[in-house]
C-alpha atoms as a PDB file:
ATOM      1  CA  THR A   1     133.637 239.012 109.015  1.00  0.00           C
ATOM      2  CA  PHE A   2     132.771 241.314 111.912  1.00  0.00           C
ATOM      3  CA  LEU A   3     129.855 239.177 112.927  1.00  0.00           C
ATOM      4  CA  VAL A   4     131.807 235.921 112.795  1.00  0.00           C
ATOM      5  CA  LEU A   5     134.819 237.263 114.705  1.00  0.00           C
ATOM      6  CA  TYR A   6     132.878 238.967 117.467  1.00  0.00           C
ATOM      7  CA  THR A   7     130.418 236.099 117.834  1.00  0.00           C
ATOM      8  CA  LEU A   8     133.326 233.694 118.238  1.00  0.00           C
ATOM      9  CA  GLU A   9     135.012 236.044 120.691  1.00  0.00           C
ATOM     10  CA  CYS A  10     131.831 236.352 122.747  1.00  0.00           C
ATOM     11  CA  LEU A  11     131.333 232.590 122.800  1.00  0.00           C
ATOM     12  CA  VAL A  12     134.937 231.854 123.753  1.00  0.00           C
ATOM     13  CA  ARG A  13     134.855 234.406 126.557  1.00  0.00           C
ATOM     14  CA  PHE A  14     131.495 233.130 127.778  1.00  0.00           C
ATOM     15  CA  PHE A  15     132.630 229.509 127.904  1.00  0.00           C
ATOM     16  CA  ALA A  16     135.943 230.483 129.513  1.00  0.00           C
ATOM     17  CA  HIS A  17     134.297 232.505 132.309  1.00  0.00           C
ATOM     18  CA  PRO A  18     130.564 231.714 132.380  1.00  0.00           C
ATOM     19  CA  LYS A  19     129.947 232.984 135.921  1.00  0.00           C
ATOM     20  CA  HIS A  20     131.723 236.324 135.471  1.00  0.00           C
ATOM     21  CA  TYR A  21     131.019 237.019 131.798  1.00  0.00           C
ATOM     22  CA  PHE A  22     128.085 239.372 132.308  1.00  0.00           C
ATOM     23  CA  ASN A  23     129.789 241.293 135.133  1.00  0.00           C
ATOM     24  CA  ASP A  24     132.191 242.993 132.714  1.00  0.00           C
ATOM     25  CA  PRO A  25     130.591 245.973 130.928  1.00  0.00           C
ATOM     26  CA  TRP A  26     132.817 245.447 127.880  1.00  0.00           C
ATOM     27  CA  ASN A  27     131.448 241.922 127.471  1.00  0.00           C
ATOM     28  CA  LEU A  28     127.895 243.282 127.623  1.00  0.00           C
ATOM     29  CA  PHE A  29     128.851 245.865 125.029  1.00  0.00           C
ATOM     30  CA  ASP A  30     130.235 243.143 122.741  1.00  0.00           C
ATOM     31  CA  VAL A  31     127.057 241.076 123.089  1.00  0.00           C
ATOM     32  CA  PHE A  32     124.990 244.176 122.339  1.00  0.00           C
ATOM     33  CA  LEU A  33     126.989 244.817 119.153  1.00  0.00           C
ATOM     34  CA  VAL A  34     126.617 241.241 117.978  1.00  0.00           C
ATOM     35  CA  LEU A  35     122.887 241.178 118.693  1.00  0.00           C
ATOM     36  CA  ILE A  36     122.392 244.381 116.712  1.00  0.00           C
ATOM     37  CA  VAL A  37     123.974 242.906 113.597  1.00  0.00           C
ATOM     38  CA  PHE A  38     121.844 239.729 113.461  1.00  0.00           C
ATOM     39  CA  PRO A  39     118.511 241.506 112.748  1.00  0.00           C
ATOM     40  CA  HIS A  40     120.286 243.848 110.340  1.00  0.00           C
ATOM     41  CA  LEU A  41     121.304 240.880 108.191  1.00  0.00           C
ATOM     42  CA  CYS A  42     117.664 239.808 107.888  1.00  0.00           C
ATOM     43  CA  LEU A  43     116.388 243.333 107.193  1.00  0.00           C
ATOM     44  CA  ASP A  44     119.198 244.551 104.938  1.00  0.00           C
ATOM     45  CA  ASP A  45     117.035 245.153 101.864  1.00  0.00           C
ATOM     46  CA  SER A  46     114.024 246.236 103.846  1.00  0.00           C
ATOM     47  CA  ASN A  47     112.742 249.808 103.909  1.00  0.00           C
ATOM     48  CA  LEU A  48     111.183 249.460 107.339  1.00  0.00           C
ATOM     49  CA  PRO A  49     111.805 252.428 109.681  1.00  0.00           C
ATOM     50  CA  PHE A  50     113.460 250.338 112.393  1.00  0.00           C
ATOM     51  CA  ALA A  51     115.903 248.873 109.844  1.00  0.00           C
ATOM     52  CA  THR A  52     117.407 252.348 109.533  1.00  0.00           C
ATOM     53  CA  LEU A  53     117.603 252.569 113.310  1.00  0.00           C
ATOM     54  CA  LEU A  54     119.546 249.301 113.367  1.00  0.00           C
ATOM     55  CA  ARG A  55     121.992 250.722 110.816  1.00  0.00           C
ATOM     56  CA  VAL A  56     122.550 253.714 113.074  1.00  0.00           C
ATOM     57  CA  PHE A  57     123.192 251.432 116.043  1.00  0.00           C
ATOM     58  CA  ARG A  58     125.875 249.667 114.029  1.00  0.00           C
ATOM     59  CA  LEU A  59     127.899 252.869 114.211  1.00  0.00           C
ATOM     60  CA  VAL A  60     128.302 252.130 117.908  1.00  0.00           C
ATOM     61  CA  ARG A  61     130.940 249.572 116.868  1.00  0.00           C
ATOM     62  CA  ILE A  62     133.361 252.470 116.665  1.00  0.00           C
ATOM     63  CA  LEU A  63     133.269 252.641 120.461  1.00  0.00           C
ATOM     64  CA  ARG A  64     134.910 249.218 120.531  1.00  0.00           C
ATOM     65  CA  VAL A  65     138.169 251.002 119.738  1.00  0.00           C
ATOM     66  CA  LEU A  66     137.957 252.519 123.231  1.00  0.00           C
ATOM     67  CA  LYS A  67     138.401 249.044 124.665  1.00  0.00           C
ATOM     68  CA  VAL A  68     141.793 248.768 122.987  1.00  0.00           C
ATOM     69  CA  ILE A  69     142.802 252.326 123.799  1.00  0.00           C
ATOM     70  CA  ARG A  70     141.971 251.894 127.499  1.00  0.00           C
ATOM     71  CA  ARG A  71     144.396 248.955 127.773  1.00  0.00           C
ATOM     72  CA  LEU A  72     147.330 250.981 126.440  1.00  0.00           C
ATOM     73  CA  PRO A  73     148.080 253.705 129.020  1.00  0.00           C
ATOM     74  CA  THR A  74     150.269 255.825 126.744  1.00  0.00           C
ATOM     75  CA  LEU A  75     147.704 255.835 123.963  1.00  0.00           C
ATOM     76  CA  TRP A  76     144.921 256.591 126.461  1.00  0.00           C
ATOM     77  CA  ALA A  77     146.909 259.571 127.788  1.00  0.00           C
ATOM     78  CA  LEU A  78     147.355 260.842 124.227  1.00  0.00           C
ATOM     79  CA  VAL A  79     143.625 260.532 123.519  1.00  0.00           C
ATOM     80  CA  CYS A  80     142.792 262.385 126.748  1.00  0.00           C
ATOM     81  CA  VAL A  81     145.172 265.208 125.838  1.00  0.00           C
ATOM     82  CA  LEU A  82     143.681 265.464 122.337  1.00  0.00           C
ATOM     83  CA  LEU A  83     140.149 265.570 123.734  1.00  0.00           C
ATOM     84  CA  GLY A  84     141.198 268.259 126.209  1.00  0.00           C
ATOM     85  CA  ALA A  85     142.714 270.318 123.390  1.00  0.00           C
ATOM     86  CA  MET A  86     139.548 269.939 121.322  1.00  0.00           C
ATOM     87  CA  LEU A  87     137.463 271.109 124.277  1.00  0.00           C
ATOM     88  CA  ALA A  88     139.703 274.170 124.684  1.00  0.00           C
ATOM     89  CA  MET A  89     139.301 274.949 120.966  1.00  0.00           C
ATOM     90  CA  LEU A  90     135.524 274.615 121.296  1.00  0.00           C
ATOM     91  CA  TRP A  91     135.448 277.134 124.130  1.00  0.00           C
ATOM     92  CA  GLY A  92     137.677 279.443 122.087  1.00  0.00           C
ATOM     93  CA  LEU A  93     135.282 279.178 119.146  1.00  0.00           C
ATOM     94  CA  ILE A  94     132.321 279.944 121.384  1.00  0.00           C
ATOM     95  CA  LEU A  95     134.132 282.997 122.735  1.00  0.00           C
ATOM     96  CA  VAL A  96     134.926 284.254 119.209  1.00  0.00           C
ATOM     97  CA  VAL A  97     131.296 283.745 118.128  1.00  0.00           C
ATOM     98  CA  ILE A  98     130.056 285.672 121.177  1.00  0.00           C
ATOM     99  CA  LEU A  99     132.495 288.524 120.564  1.00  0.00           C
ATOM    100  CA  LEU A 100     131.701 288.801 116.847  1.00  0.00           C
ATOM    101  CA  ALA A 101     127.923 288.467 117.198  1.00  0.00           C
END
């Protein structure tokens, strides 16, 4: 279903704005995600080394959520605050490790 939905979305956007489609980085990202999935379908049962690499690249689809989050300012602010808190906790952990080592 992912492949069908995103392929249709890419095609609709391309035909709606053919001159400006490749100027938007999110559109390029969507095309990249769709193009990654096509070879994966052909190599799904294969044990070739680059088939595993394609599976890893499929994890990049998670970044598509950022596209939605960026369009909702309140949600984006919440994500930024959470990331800032996680960074502060990381520095606190590093400080504790340095003090206890």
